[in-house]
Protein backbone atom coordinates (compact mmCIF):
# COMPACT_ATOMS: atom_id res chain seq x y z
CA UNK A 1 70.55 13.00 19.08
CA UNK A 2 73.26 15.49 20.70
CA UNK A 3 73.15 16.16 24.36
CA UNK A 4 71.34 19.92 23.56
CA UNK A 5 68.12 17.54 22.54
CA UNK A 6 69.56 18.43 17.99
CA UNK A 7 67.45 15.13 16.85
CA UNK A 8 70.08 12.83 14.51
CA UNK A 9 69.29 13.68 10.76
CA UNK A 10 69.88 10.88 8.47
CA UNK A 11 69.27 10.81 4.25
CA UNK A 12 68.02 8.07 2.85
CA UNK A 13 68.72 9.30 -0.60
CA UNK A 14 72.45 8.70 0.35
CA UNK A 15 71.74 5.21 0.50
CA UNK A 16 68.87 4.96 -2.27
CA UNK A 17 68.92 8.44 -4.11
CA UNK A 18 65.98 6.68 -6.29
CA UNK A 19 63.44 6.45 -2.91
CA UNK A 20 62.95 10.04 -3.76
CA UNK A 21 62.76 12.38 -7.40
CA UNK A 22 66.00 13.52 -8.56
CA UNK A 23 67.00 16.93 -5.57
CA UNK A 24 64.55 15.78 -3.66
CA UNK A 25 65.34 14.10 -0.14
CA UNK A 26 63.31 11.73 2.52
CA UNK A 27 64.71 12.87 5.98
CA UNK A 28 64.36 11.01 8.83
CA UNK A 29 64.21 13.15 12.31
CA UNK A 30 65.73 11.04 14.86
CA UNK A 31 65.98 12.09 18.82
CA UNK A 32 66.63 10.14 22.02
CA UNK A 33 64.26 8.97 24.82
CA UNK A 34 63.90 11.97 27.13
CA UNK A 35 62.82 14.23 24.15
CA UNK A 36 60.47 11.21 22.01
CA UNK A 37 58.57 11.64 25.84
CA UNK A 38 58.02 14.76 26.48
CA UNK A 39 56.80 15.18 22.85
CA UNK A 40 55.03 11.93 22.05
CA UNK A 41 51.83 13.52 23.18
CA UNK A 42 51.87 16.79 20.90
CA UNK A 43 49.73 16.36 17.94
CA UNK A 44 51.74 16.42 14.78
CA UNK A 45 52.53 19.71 13.68
CA UNK A 46 54.13 21.14 16.92
CA UNK A 47 56.43 18.32 17.01
CA UNK A 48 57.08 18.94 13.15
CA UNK A 49 57.68 21.68 14.04
CA UNK A 50 60.08 21.67 16.94
CA UNK A 51 61.77 18.95 14.85
CA UNK A 52 63.05 21.40 12.04
CA UNK A 53 63.03 24.54 14.36
CA UNK A 54 66.06 22.23 16.34
CA UNK A 55 67.28 20.36 13.53
CA UNK A 56 67.77 23.67 11.05
CA UNK A 57 69.63 25.52 14.30
CA UNK A 58 72.48 22.73 13.84
CA UNK A 59 71.86 21.90 10.34
CA UNK A 60 74.28 19.46 9.05
CA UNK A 61 76.65 20.39 6.10
CA UNK A 62 75.77 20.08 3.13
CA UNK A 63 72.22 18.44 4.24
CA UNK A 64 69.12 18.70 1.93
CA UNK A 65 66.86 20.03 4.66
CA UNK A 66 65.12 22.60 3.70
CA UNK A 67 65.12 25.76 4.99
CA UNK A 68 61.33 27.25 4.90
CA UNK A 69 58.61 24.15 4.25
CA UNK A 70 57.42 24.79 0.92
CA UNK A 71 56.85 21.39 -0.31
CA UNK A 72 56.91 19.93 2.77
CA UNK A 73 55.50 16.75 3.40
CA UNK A 74 55.75 14.75 6.88
CA UNK A 75 55.01 11.77 9.21
CA UNK A 76 55.33 11.45 12.45
CA UNK A 77 55.46 8.35 14.42
CA UNK A 78 54.85 7.37 17.93
CA UNK A 79 55.10 3.81 19.24
CA UNK A 80 55.44 4.17 22.43
CA UNK A 81 57.35 1.14 22.99
CA UNK A 82 59.97 1.81 20.13
CA UNK A 83 61.21 4.47 21.71
CA UNK A 84 64.69 5.01 21.76
CA UNK A 85 65.79 4.43 25.31
CA UNK A 86 69.32 5.21 24.25
CA UNK A 87 70.97 8.45 25.87
CA UNK A 88 72.62 11.35 24.27
CA UNK A 89 76.06 9.86 22.93
CA UNK A 90 75.20 6.50 22.65
CA UNK A 91 75.50 6.46 19.13
CA UNK A 92 78.84 7.92 19.81
CA UNK A 93 80.21 5.29 22.65
CA UNK A 94 78.88 1.79 20.32
CA UNK A 95 80.59 3.25 17.09
CA UNK A 96 83.89 3.23 19.58
CA UNK A 97 82.69 -0.61 20.59
CA UNK A 98 84.16 -2.01 17.82
CA UNK A 99 88.33 -0.20 18.29
CA UNK A 100 88.09 -0.83 21.84
CA UNK A 101 87.38 -4.59 21.49
CA UNK A 102 89.64 -5.43 18.88
CA UNK A 103 92.44 -5.16 20.46
CA UNK A 104 91.63 -8.01 22.63
CA UNK A 105 89.85 -10.95 20.78
CA UNK A 106 91.25 -12.28 17.35
CA UNK A 107 88.91 -12.68 14.86
CA UNK A 108 86.06 -10.78 16.04
CA UNK A 109 83.38 -8.87 14.04
CA UNK A 110 80.31 -7.13 14.68
CA UNK A 111 77.57 -6.77 13.21
CA UNK A 112 73.79 -5.69 13.63
CA UNK A 113 71.74 -2.47 13.94
CA UNK A 114 73.59 -1.21 17.28
CA UNK A 115 76.42 -0.93 15.79
CA UNK A 116 75.23 1.82 13.33
CA UNK A 117 71.80 3.69 13.52
CA UNK A 118 69.73 1.37 15.10
CA UNK A 119 67.71 0.80 12.20
CA UNK A 120 67.40 -1.99 9.49
CA UNK A 121 69.63 0.52 7.84
CA UNK A 122 71.52 0.02 10.46
CA UNK A 123 71.69 -3.67 10.69
CA UNK A 124 72.04 -3.85 6.77
CA UNK A 125 75.05 -1.28 6.34
CA UNK A 126 77.26 -2.84 9.46
CA UNK A 127 76.79 -6.36 7.96
CA UNK A 128 78.64 -5.65 5.15
CA UNK A 129 80.94 -3.47 6.51
CA UNK A 130 81.49 -6.72 8.65
CA UNK A 131 81.28 -9.22 5.79
CA UNK A 132 83.97 -7.23 4.54
CA UNK A 133 86.09 -6.94 7.04
CA UNK A 134 85.78 -10.45 7.44
CA UNK A 135 86.74 -11.02 3.40
CA UNK A 136 89.77 -8.61 3.50
CA UNK A 137 91.31 -11.00 6.59
CA UNK A 138 90.54 -14.10 4.34
CA UNK A 139 92.21 -12.42 0.96
CA UNK A 140 95.70 -11.39 3.24
CA UNK A 141 98.34 -13.27 3.27
CA UNK A 142 98.26 -13.95 6.88
CA UNK A 143 94.90 -15.08 6.88
């Protein structure tokens, strides 16, 4: 979630290629609190238009974002209580936490949805990363 309101784009097929037909993707566009509050009352088509317009201006390199809306299916989720309460830059700051704490706390391994993109996938991927770090530590001669 950029400072300029660009949505964070996640491609589910990078983790689970079989969740979409070959050559297709399932993309999640996530926005921060202020942008979400501005859009929550708009109709689905307007939200789709604004979100796709914003992400297309700064599409990630190699992204599977289609250049047009041909064959595009979308779903807008509204759940006011679940609006991301983070501010722009929050995810980058959270990614720095382990490196900031590691020199000061021995044997600290962090995992949770807050250590990656806040989601079940973030929790799972950070949990797997933490488990690998623990396994590597235990396998090392100094472990």
